[in-house]
């Protein structure tokens, strides 16, 4: 099972919206995944224990790309096709 984190600046609404969209996309792609929504600060502590972190492109630099988690940056967090394209590159 893939462990995916939807991260945003303070872990409130935006990460929850991303989480719901990622869950929908994973279901459509038949990916077995658990998705959590949280703040960027909390997500930074999980870079070695989750598989994928999805966030806005302007937050990507906050994560170490040399850790276990693959970082997926999305410009338009409401665009399911962009989220799906980003996920498809790392799964």
PDB file of N, CA and C in Angstrom:
ATOM      1  N   UNK A   1       0.831  -1.182   0.000  1.00  0.00           N
ATOM      2  CA  UNK A   1       0.000   0.000   0.000  1.00  0.00           C
ATOM      3  C   UNK A   1       0.879   1.250   0.000  1.00  0.00           C
ATOM      4  N   UNK A   2       0.568   2.164  -0.910  1.00  0.00           N
ATOM      5  CA  UNK A   2       1.287   3.434  -0.978  1.00  0.00           C
ATOM      6  C   UNK A   2       0.847   4.344   0.162  1.00  0.00           C
ATOM      7  N   UNK A   3       1.808   5.012   0.752  1.00  0.00           N
ATOM      8  CA  UNK A   3       1.496   6.028   1.762  1.00  0.00           C
ATOM      9  C   UNK A   3       1.712   7.389   1.113  1.00  0.00           C
ATOM     10  N   UNK A   4       0.626   8.164   1.004  1.00  0.00           N
ATOM     11  CA  UNK A   4       0.670   9.456   0.337  1.00  0.00           C
ATOM     12  C   UNK A   4       0.259  10.539   1.318  1.00  0.00           C
ATOM     13  N   UNK A   5       0.987  11.663   1.286  1.00  0.00           N
ATOM     14  CA  UNK A   5       0.648  12.817   2.107  1.00  0.00           C
ATOM     15  C   UNK A   5       0.297  13.983   1.199  1.00  0.00           C
ATOM     16  N   UNK A   6      -0.829  14.615   1.491  1.00  0.00           N
ATOM     17  CA  UNK A   6      -1.230  15.851   0.821  1.00  0.00           C
ATOM     18  C   UNK A   6      -0.861  16.978   1.777  1.00  0.00           C
ATOM     19  N   UNK A   7       0.088  17.813   1.374  1.00  0.00           N
ATOM     20  CA  UNK A   7       0.600  18.840   2.280  1.00  0.00           C
ATOM     21  C   UNK A   7       0.290  20.248   1.774  1.00  0.00           C
ATOM     22  N   UNK A   8      -0.008  21.123   2.718  1.00  0.00           N
ATOM     23  CA  UNK A   8      -0.170  22.540   2.374  1.00  0.00           C
ATOM     24  C   UNK A   8       0.482  23.376   3.472  1.00  0.00           C
ATOM     25  N   UNK A   9       0.520  24.666   3.269  1.00  0.00           N
ATOM     26  CA  UNK A   9       1.203  25.570   4.189  1.00  0.00           C
ATOM     27  C   UNK A   9       0.843  25.404   5.651  1.00  0.00           C
ATOM     28  N   UNK A  10      -0.441  25.347   5.970  1.00  0.00           N
ATOM     29  CA  UNK A  10      -0.797  25.187   7.373  1.00  0.00           C
ATOM     30  C   UNK A  10      -1.693  23.985   7.652  1.00  0.00           C
ATOM     31  N   UNK A  11      -1.903  23.117   6.676  1.00  0.00           N
ATOM     32  CA  UNK A  11      -2.556  21.843   6.932  1.00  0.00           C
ATOM     33  C   UNK A  11      -4.055  21.901   7.106  1.00  0.00           C
ATOM     34  N   UNK A  12      -4.660  22.943   6.624  1.00  0.00           N
ATOM     35  CA  UNK A  12      -6.104  23.054   6.810  1.00  0.00           C
ATOM     36  C   UNK A  12      -6.839  22.666   5.524  1.00  0.00           C
ATOM     37  N   UNK A  13      -7.565  23.576   4.952  1.00  0.00           N
ATOM     38  CA  UNK A  13      -8.449  23.291   3.822  1.00  0.00           C
ATOM     39  C   UNK A  13      -7.786  22.762   2.578  1.00  0.00           C
ATOM     40  N   UNK A  14      -6.696  23.378   2.153  1.00  0.00           N
ATOM     41  CA  UNK A  14      -6.079  22.991   0.882  1.00  0.00           C
ATOM     42  C   UNK A  14      -5.616  21.537   0.896  1.00  0.00           C
ATOM     43  N   UNK A  15      -4.976  21.118   1.961  1.00  0.00           N
ATOM     44  CA  UNK A  15      -4.491  19.734   2.006  1.00  0.00           C
ATOM     45  C   UNK A  15      -5.657  18.747   2.020  1.00  0.00           C
ATOM     46  N   UNK A  16      -6.780  19.138   2.632  1.00  0.00           N
ATOM     47  CA  UNK A  16      -7.941  18.261   2.652  1.00  0.00           C
ATOM     48  C   UNK A  16      -8.547  18.124   1.244  1.00  0.00           C
ATOM     49  N   UNK A  17      -8.567  19.214   0.492  1.00  0.00           N
ATOM     50  CA  UNK A  17      -9.060  19.171  -0.887  1.00  0.00           C
ATOM     51  C   UNK A  17      -8.156  18.270  -1.730  1.00  0.00           C
ATOM     52  N   UNK A  18      -6.835  18.444  -1.583  1.00  0.00           N
ATOM     53  CA  UNK A  18      -5.887  17.594  -2.317  1.00  0.00           C
ATOM     54  C   UNK A  18      -6.107  16.128  -1.939  1.00  0.00           C
ATOM     55  N   UNK A  19      -6.260  15.867  -0.655  1.00  0.00           N
ATOM     56  CA  UNK A  19      -6.464  14.498  -0.173  1.00  0.00           C
ATOM     57  C   UNK A  19      -7.659  13.851  -0.867  1.00  0.00           C
ATOM     58  N   UNK A  20      -8.782  14.544  -0.913  1.00  0.00           N
ATOM     59  CA  UNK A  20      -9.981  13.993  -1.527  1.00  0.00           C
ATOM     60  C   UNK A  20      -9.776  13.719  -3.017  1.00  0.00           C
ATOM     61  N   UNK A  21      -9.090  14.641  -3.698  1.00  0.00           N
ATOM     62  CA  UNK A  21      -8.823  14.451  -5.127  1.00  0.00           C
ATOM     63  C   UNK A  21      -7.866  13.282  -5.355  1.00  0.00           C
ATOM     64  N   UNK A  22      -6.833  13.164  -4.520  1.00  0.00           N
ATOM     65  CA  UNK A  22      -5.872  12.065  -4.657  1.00  0.00           C
ATOM     66  C   UNK A  22      -6.559  10.725  -4.398  1.00  0.00           C
ATOM     67  N   UNK A  23      -7.417  10.664  -3.393  1.00  0.00           N
ATOM     68  CA  UNK A  23      -8.139   9.414  -3.127  1.00  0.00           C
ATOM     69  C   UNK A  23      -8.991   9.009  -4.329  1.00  0.00           C
ATOM     70  N   UNK A  24      -9.662   9.977  -4.939  1.00  0.00           N
ATOM     71  CA  UNK A  24     -10.493   9.718  -6.114  1.00  0.00           C
ATOM     72  C   UNK A  24      -9.636   9.209  -7.279  1.00  0.00           C
ATOM     73  N   UNK A  25      -8.486   9.853  -7.493  1.00  0.00           N
ATOM     74  CA  UNK A  25      -7.581   9.465  -8.583  1.00  0.00           C
ATOM     75  C   UNK A  25      -7.009   8.069  -8.331  1.00  0.00           C
ATOM     76  N   UNK A  26      -6.594   7.790  -7.104  1.00  0.00           N
ATOM     77  CA  UNK A  26      -6.039   6.472  -6.780  1.00  0.00           C
ATOM     78  C   UNK A  26      -7.077   5.382  -7.016  1.00  0.00           C
ATOM     79  N   UNK A  27      -8.311   5.657  -6.650  1.00  0.00           N
ATOM     80  CA  UNK A  27      -9.373   4.678  -6.877  1.00  0.00           C
ATOM     81  C   UNK A  27      -9.559   4.419  -8.372  1.00  0.00           C
ATOM     82  N   UNK A  28      -9.556   5.498  -9.169  1.00  0.00           N
ATOM     83  CA  UNK A  28      -9.725   5.366 -10.621  1.00  0.00           C
ATOM     84  C   UNK A  28      -8.559   4.600 -11.256  1.00  0.00           C
ATOM     85  N   UNK A  29      -7.356   4.753 -10.681  1.00  0.00           N
ATOM     86  CA  UNK A  29      -6.164   4.085 -11.213  1.00  0.00           C
ATOM     87  C   UNK A  29      -5.918   2.716 -10.572  1.00  0.00           C
ATOM     88  N   UNK A  30      -6.845   2.295  -9.711  1.00  0.00           N
ATOM     89  CA  UNK A  30      -6.708   1.026  -8.978  1.00  0.00           C
ATOM     90  C   UNK A  30      -5.421   0.960  -8.159  1.00  0.00           C
ATOM     91  N   UNK A  31      -5.036   2.095  -7.566  1.00  0.00           N
ATOM     92  CA  UNK A  31      -3.859   2.129  -6.690  1.00  0.00           C
ATOM     93  C   UNK A  31      -4.309   1.923  -5.252  1.00  0.00           C
ATOM     94  N   UNK A  32      -3.655   1.006  -4.571  1.00  0.00           N
ATOM     95  CA  UNK A  32      -3.927   0.780  -3.157  1.00  0.00           C
ATOM     96  C   UNK A  32      -3.119   1.806  -2.369  1.00  0.00           C
ATOM     97  N   UNK A  33      -3.801   2.817  -1.835  1.00  0.00           N
ATOM     98  CA  UNK A  33      -3.080   3.904  -1.174  1.00  0.00           C
ATOM     99  C   UNK A  33      -3.853   4.440   0.024  1.00  0.00           C
ATOM    100  N   UNK A  34      -3.104   4.869   1.024  1.00  0.00           N
ATOM    101  CA  UNK A  34      -3.700   5.624   2.132  1.00  0.00           C
ATOM    102  C   UNK A  34      -3.209   7.058   1.969  1.00  0.00           C
ATOM    103  N   UNK A  35      -4.117   8.011   2.129  1.00  0.00           N
ATOM    104  CA  UNK A  35      -3.797   9.418   1.904  1.00  0.00           C
ATOM    105  C   UNK A  35      -4.112  10.197   3.171  1.00  0.00           C
ATOM    106  N   UNK A  36      -3.146  10.993   3.615  1.00  0.00           N
ATOM    107  CA  UNK A  36      -3.339  11.848   4.784  1.00  0.00           C
ATOM    108  C   UNK A  36      -3.138  13.298   4.401  1.00  0.00           C
ATOM    109  N   UNK A  37      -3.912  14.178   5.020  1.00  0.00           N
ATOM    110  CA  UNK A  37      -3.770  15.618   4.823  1.00  0.00           C
ATOM    111  C   UNK A  37      -3.069  16.205   6.040  1.00  0.00           C
ATOM    112  N   UNK A  38      -2.087  17.072   5.792  1.00  0.00           N
ATOM    113  CA  UNK A  38      -1.371  17.689   6.913  1.00  0.00           C
ATOM    114  C   UNK A  38      -0.612  18.928   6.475  1.00  0.00           C
ATOM    115  N   UNK A  39      -0.056  19.618   7.454  1.00  0.00           N
ATOM    116  CA  UNK A  39       0.733  20.817   7.169  1.00  0.00           C
ATOM    117  C   UNK A  39       2.084  20.433   6.595  1.00  0.00           C
ATOM    118  N   UNK A  40       2.693  21.388   5.930  1.00  0.00           N
ATOM    119  CA  UNK A  40       4.015  21.180   5.361  1.00  0.00           C
ATOM    120  C   UNK A  40       5.010  20.817   6.466  1.00  0.00           C
ATOM    121  N   UNK A  41       4.916  21.473   7.594  1.00  0.00           N
ATOM    122  CA  UNK A  41       5.827  21.208   8.711  1.00  0.00           C
ATOM    123  C   UNK A  41       5.754  19.771   9.182  1.00  0.00           C
ATOM    124  N   UNK A  42       4.532  19.253   9.296  1.00  0.00           N
ATOM    125  CA  UNK A  42       4.366  17.856   9.707  1.00  0.00           C
ATOM    126  C   UNK A  42       4.867  16.915   8.617  1.00  0.00           C
ATOM    127  N   UNK A  43       4.577  17.245   7.367  1.00  0.00           N
ATOM    128  CA  UNK A  43       4.980  16.394   6.251  1.00  0.00           C
ATOM    129  C   UNK A  43       6.497  16.310   6.127  1.00  0.00           C
ATOM    130  N   UNK A  44       7.196  17.405   6.437  1.00  0.00           N
ATOM    131  CA  UNK A  44       8.667  17.404   6.341  1.00  0.00           C
ATOM    132  C   UNK A  44       9.272  16.324   7.230  1.00  0.00           C
ATOM    133  N   UNK A  45       8.620  16.035   8.340  1.00  0.00           N
ATOM    134  CA  UNK A  45       9.114  15.006   9.247  1.00  0.00           C
ATOM    135  C   UNK A  45       8.848  13.591   8.766  1.00  0.00           C
ATOM    136  N   UNK A  46       8.103  13.451   7.675  1.00  0.00           N
ATOM    137  CA  UNK A  46       7.738  12.119   7.178  1.00  0.00           C
ATOM    138  C   UNK A  46       8.423  11.746   5.871  1.00  0.00           C
ATOM    139  N   UNK A  47       9.399  12.522   5.430  1.00  0.00           N
ATOM    140  CA  UNK A  47      10.019  12.268   4.123  1.00  0.00           C
ATOM    141  C   UNK A  47      10.705  10.909   4.020  1.00  0.00           C
ATOM    142  N   UNK A  48      10.985  10.270   5.147  1.00  0.00           N
ATOM    143  CA  UNK A  48      11.598   8.940   5.105  1.00  0.00           C
ATOM    144  C   UNK A  48      10.610   7.828   5.424  1.00  0.00           C
ATOM    145  N   UNK A  49       9.339   8.176   5.695  1.00  0.00           N
ATOM    146  CA  UNK A  49       8.391   7.127   6.064  1.00  0.00           C
ATOM    147  C   UNK A  49       7.150   7.051   5.175  1.00  0.00           C
ATOM    148  N   UNK A  50       7.024   7.964   4.214  1.00  0.00           N
ATOM    149  CA  UNK A  50       5.911   7.876   3.258  1.00  0.00           C
ATOM    150  C   UNK A  50       6.484   7.732   1.847  1.00  0.00           C
ATOM    151  N   UNK A  51       5.621   7.345   0.915  1.00  0.00           N
ATOM    152  CA  UNK A  51       6.086   7.119  -0.454  1.00  0.00           C
ATOM    153  C   UNK A  51       6.021   8.380  -1.311  1.00  0.00           C
ATOM    154  N   UNK A  52       4.946   9.165  -1.142  1.00  0.00           N
ATOM    155  CA  UNK A  52       4.727  10.332  -1.992  1.00  0.00           C
ATOM    156  C   UNK A  52       4.206  11.488  -1.150  1.00  0.00           C
ATOM    157  N   UNK A  53       4.715  12.682  -1.427  1.00  0.00           N
ATOM    158  CA  UNK A  53       4.170  13.903  -0.835  1.00  0.00           C
ATOM    159  C   UNK A  53       3.720  14.788  -1.989  1.00  0.00           C
ATOM    160  N   UNK A  54       2.457  15.189  -1.949  1.00  0.00           N
ATOM    161  CA  UNK A  54       1.906  16.072  -2.980  1.00  0.00           C
ATOM    162  C   UNK A  54       1.665  17.434  -2.352  1.00  0.00           C
ATOM    163  N   UNK A  55       2.173  18.470  -3.017  1.00  0.00           N
ATOM    164  CA  UNK A  55       2.025  19.829  -2.498  1.00  0.00           C
ATOM    165  C   UNK A  55       2.027  20.816  -3.664  1.00  0.00           C
ATOM    166  N   UNK A  56       1.808  22.056  -3.341  1.00  0.00           N
ATOM    167  CA  UNK A  56       1.900  23.118  -4.338  1.00  0.00           C
ATOM    168  C   UNK A  56       3.353  23.241  -4.793  1.00  0.00           C
ATOM    169  N   UNK A  57       3.562  23.607  -6.049  1.00  0.00           N
ATOM    170  CA  UNK A  57       4.931  23.704  -6.574  1.00  0.00           C
ATOM    171  C   UNK A  57       5.785  24.673  -5.758  1.00  0.00           C
ATOM    172  N   UNK A  58       5.187  25.736  -5.211  1.00  0.00           N
ATOM    173  CA  UNK A  58       5.998  26.706  -4.460  1.00  0.00           C
ATOM    174  C   UNK A  58       6.447  26.170  -3.099  1.00  0.00           C
ATOM    175  N   UNK A  59       5.934  25.019  -2.677  1.00  0.00           N
ATOM    176  CA  UNK A  59       6.365  24.414  -1.409  1.00  0.00           C
ATOM    177  C   UNK A  59       7.369  23.290  -1.598  1.00  0.00           C
ATOM    178  N   UNK A  60       7.613  22.878  -2.830  1.00  0.00           N
ATOM    179  CA  UNK A  60       8.493  21.734  -3.091  1.00  0.00           C
ATOM    180  C   UNK A  60       9.894  21.893  -2.524  1.00  0.00           C
ATOM    181  N   UNK A  61      10.422  23.101  -2.543  1.00  0.00           N
ATOM    182  CA  UNK A  61      11.791  23.338  -2.065  1.00  0.00           C
ATOM    183  C   UNK A  61      11.952  23.084  -0.571  1.00  0.00           C
ATOM    184  N   UNK A  62      10.844  22.956   0.147  1.00  0.00           N
ATOM    185  CA  UNK A  62      10.899  22.690   1.583  1.00  0.00           C
ATOM    186  C   UNK A  62      11.193  21.230   1.905  1.00  0.00           C
ATOM    187  N   UNK A  63      11.157  20.381   0.885  1.00  0.00           N
ATOM    188  CA  UNK A  63      11.365  18.953   1.100  1.00  0.00           C
ATOM    189  C   UNK A  63      12.688  18.506   0.489  1.00  0.00           C
ATOM    190  N   UNK A  64      13.349  17.594   1.171  1.00  0.00           N
ATOM    191  CA  UNK A  64      14.619  17.050   0.702  1.00  0.00           C
ATOM    192  C   UNK A  64      14.341  15.990  -0.363  1.00  0.00           C
ATOM    193  N   UNK A  65      14.739  16.241  -1.615  1.00  0.00           N
ATOM    194  CA  UNK A  65      14.466  15.283  -2.692  1.00  0.00           C
ATOM    195  C   UNK A  65      15.300  14.005  -2.600  1.00  0.00           C
ATOM    196  N   UNK A  66      16.260  13.959  -1.687  1.00  0.00           N
ATOM    197  CA  UNK A  66      17.124  12.792  -1.551  1.00  0.00           C
ATOM    198  C   UNK A  66      16.633  11.803  -0.501  1.00  0.00           C
ATOM    199  N   UNK A  67      15.417  11.987  -0.034  1.00  0.00           N
ATOM    200  CA  UNK A  67      14.836  11.081   0.960  1.00  0.00           C
ATOM    201  C   UNK A  67      13.918  10.088   0.262  1.00  0.00           C
ATOM    202  N   UNK A  68      13.288   9.212   1.029  1.00  0.00           N
ATOM    203  CA  UNK A  68      12.432   8.159   0.467  1.00  0.00           C
ATOM    204  C   UNK A  68      11.250   8.713  -0.321  1.00  0.00           C
ATOM    205  N   UNK A  69      10.573   9.716   0.215  1.00  0.00           N
ATOM    206  CA  UNK A  69       9.351  10.227  -0.419  1.00  0.00           C
ATOM    207  C   UNK A  69       9.645  10.930  -1.737  1.00  0.00           C
ATOM    208  N   UNK A  70       8.821  10.622  -2.735  1.00  0.00           N
ATOM    209  CA  UNK A  70       8.893  11.344  -4.002  1.00  0.00           C
ATOM    210  C   UNK A  70       8.003  12.571  -3.849  1.00  0.00           C
ATOM    211  N   UNK A  71       8.521  13.730  -4.221  1.00  0.00           N
ATOM    212  CA  UNK A  71       7.781  14.979  -4.056  1.00  0.00           C
ATOM    213  C   UNK A  71       7.109  15.329  -5.382  1.00  0.00           C
ATOM    214  N   UNK A  72       5.791  15.502  -5.330  1.00  0.00           N
ATOM    215  CA  UNK A  72       5.018  15.864  -6.511  1.00  0.00           C
ATOM    216  C   UNK A  72       4.491  17.273  -6.312  1.00  0.00           C
ATOM    217  N   UNK A  73       4.913  18.182  -7.182  1.00  0.00           N
ATOM    218  CA  UNK A  73       4.442  19.564  -7.120  1.00  0.00           C
ATOM    219  C   UNK A  73       3.332  19.798  -8.129  1.00  0.00           C
ATOM    220  N   UNK A  74       2.310  20.508  -7.689  1.00  0.00           N
ATOM    221  CA  UNK A  74       1.161  20.784  -8.544  1.00  0.00           C
ATOM    222  C   UNK A  74       0.912  22.289  -8.543  1.00  0.00           C
ATOM    223  N   UNK A  75       0.777  22.865  -9.742  1.00  0.00           N
ATOM    224  CA  UNK A  75       0.494  24.305  -9.846  1.00  0.00           C
ATOM    225  C   UNK A  75      -0.951  24.610  -9.491  1.00  0.00           C
ATOM    226  N   UNK A  76      -1.880  23.885 -10.110  1.00  0.00           N
ATOM    227  CA  UNK A  76      -3.297  24.107  -9.871  1.00  0.00           C
ATOM    228  C   UNK A  76      -3.841  22.959  -9.033  1.00  0.00           C
ATOM    229  N   UNK A  77      -4.006  23.185  -7.760  1.00  0.00           N
ATOM    230  CA  UNK A  77      -4.412  22.126  -6.849  1.00  0.00           C
ATOM    231  C   UNK A  77      -5.857  21.668  -7.056  1.00  0.00           C
ATOM    232  N   UNK A  78      -6.602  22.362  -7.873  1.00  0.00           N
ATOM    233  CA  UNK A  78      -7.983  21.975  -8.168  1.00  0.00           C
ATOM    234  C   UNK A  78      -8.071  21.128  -9.444  1.00  0.00           C
ATOM    235  N   UNK A  79      -6.966  21.001 -10.146  1.00  0.00           N
ATOM    236  CA  UNK A  79      -6.939  20.312 -11.441  1.00  0.00           C
ATOM    237  C   UNK A  79      -6.606  18.833 -11.254  1.00  0.00           C
ATOM    238  N   UNK A  80      -7.627  17.979 -11.310  1.00  0.00           N
ATOM    239  CA  UNK A  80      -7.416  16.547 -11.109  1.00  0.00           C
ATOM    240  C   UNK A  80      -6.500  15.949 -12.164  1.00  0.00           C
ATOM    241  N   UNK A  81      -6.558  16.449 -13.382  1.00  0.00           N
ATOM    242  CA  UNK A  81      -5.696  15.917 -14.450  1.00  0.00           C
ATOM    243  C   UNK A  81      -4.224  16.205 -14.157  1.00  0.00           C
ATOM    244  N   UNK A  82      -3.934  17.390 -13.612  1.00  0.00           N
ATOM    245  CA  UNK A  82      -2.555  17.724 -13.256  1.00  0.00           C
ATOM    246  C   UNK A  82      -2.075  16.857 -12.089  1.00  0.00           C
ATOM    247  N   UNK A  83      -2.936  16.647 -11.112  1.00  0.00           N
ATOM    248  CA  UNK A  83      -2.578  15.788  -9.980  1.00  0.00           C
ATOM    249  C   UNK A  83      -2.331  14.363 -10.467  1.00  0.00           C
ATOM    250  N   UNK A  84      -3.220  13.884 -11.338  1.00  0.00           N
ATOM    251  CA  UNK A  84      -3.060  12.519 -11.866  1.00  0.00           C
ATOM    252  C   UNK A  84      -1.765  12.393 -12.662  1.00  0.00           C
ATOM    253  N   UNK A  85      -1.446  13.403 -13.476  1.00  0.00           N
ATOM    254  CA  UNK A  85      -0.200  13.378 -14.262  1.00  0.00           C
ATOM    255  C   UNK A  85       1.011  13.324 -13.329  1.00  0.00           C
ATOM    256  N   UNK A  86       0.992  14.114 -12.269  1.00  0.00           N
ATOM    257  CA  UNK A  86       2.101  14.118 -11.313  1.00  0.00           C
ATOM    258  C   UNK A  86       2.243  12.790 -10.618  1.00  0.00           C
ATOM    259  N   UNK A  87       1.125  12.201 -10.207  1.00  0.00           N
ATOM    260  CA  UNK A  87       1.159  10.901  -9.550  1.00  0.00           C
ATOM    261  C   UNK A  87       1.676   9.824 -10.509  1.00  0.00           C
ATOM    262  N   UNK A  88       1.221   9.873 -11.744  1.00  0.00           N
ATOM    263  CA  UNK A  88       1.607   8.851 -12.726  1.00  0.00           C
ATOM    264  C   UNK A  88       3.112   8.831 -12.972  1.00  0.00           C
ATOM    265  N   UNK A  89       3.762   9.972 -12.800  1.00  0.00           N
ATOM    266  CA  UNK A  89       5.205  10.028 -13.008  1.00  0.00           C
ATOM    267  C   UNK A  89       5.997   9.305 -11.924  1.00  0.00           C
ATOM    268  N   UNK A  90       5.400   9.154 -10.725  1.00  0.00           N
ATOM    269  CA  UNK A  90       6.155   8.594  -9.610  1.00  0.00           C
ATOM    270  C   UNK A  90       5.657   7.234  -9.129  1.00  0.00           C
ATOM    271  N   UNK A  91       4.562   6.736  -9.698  1.00  0.00           N
ATOM    272  CA  UNK A  91       4.044   5.437  -9.254  1.00  0.00           C
ATOM    273  C   UNK A  91       4.483   4.332 -10.163  1.00  0.00           C
TER     274      UNK A  91
END
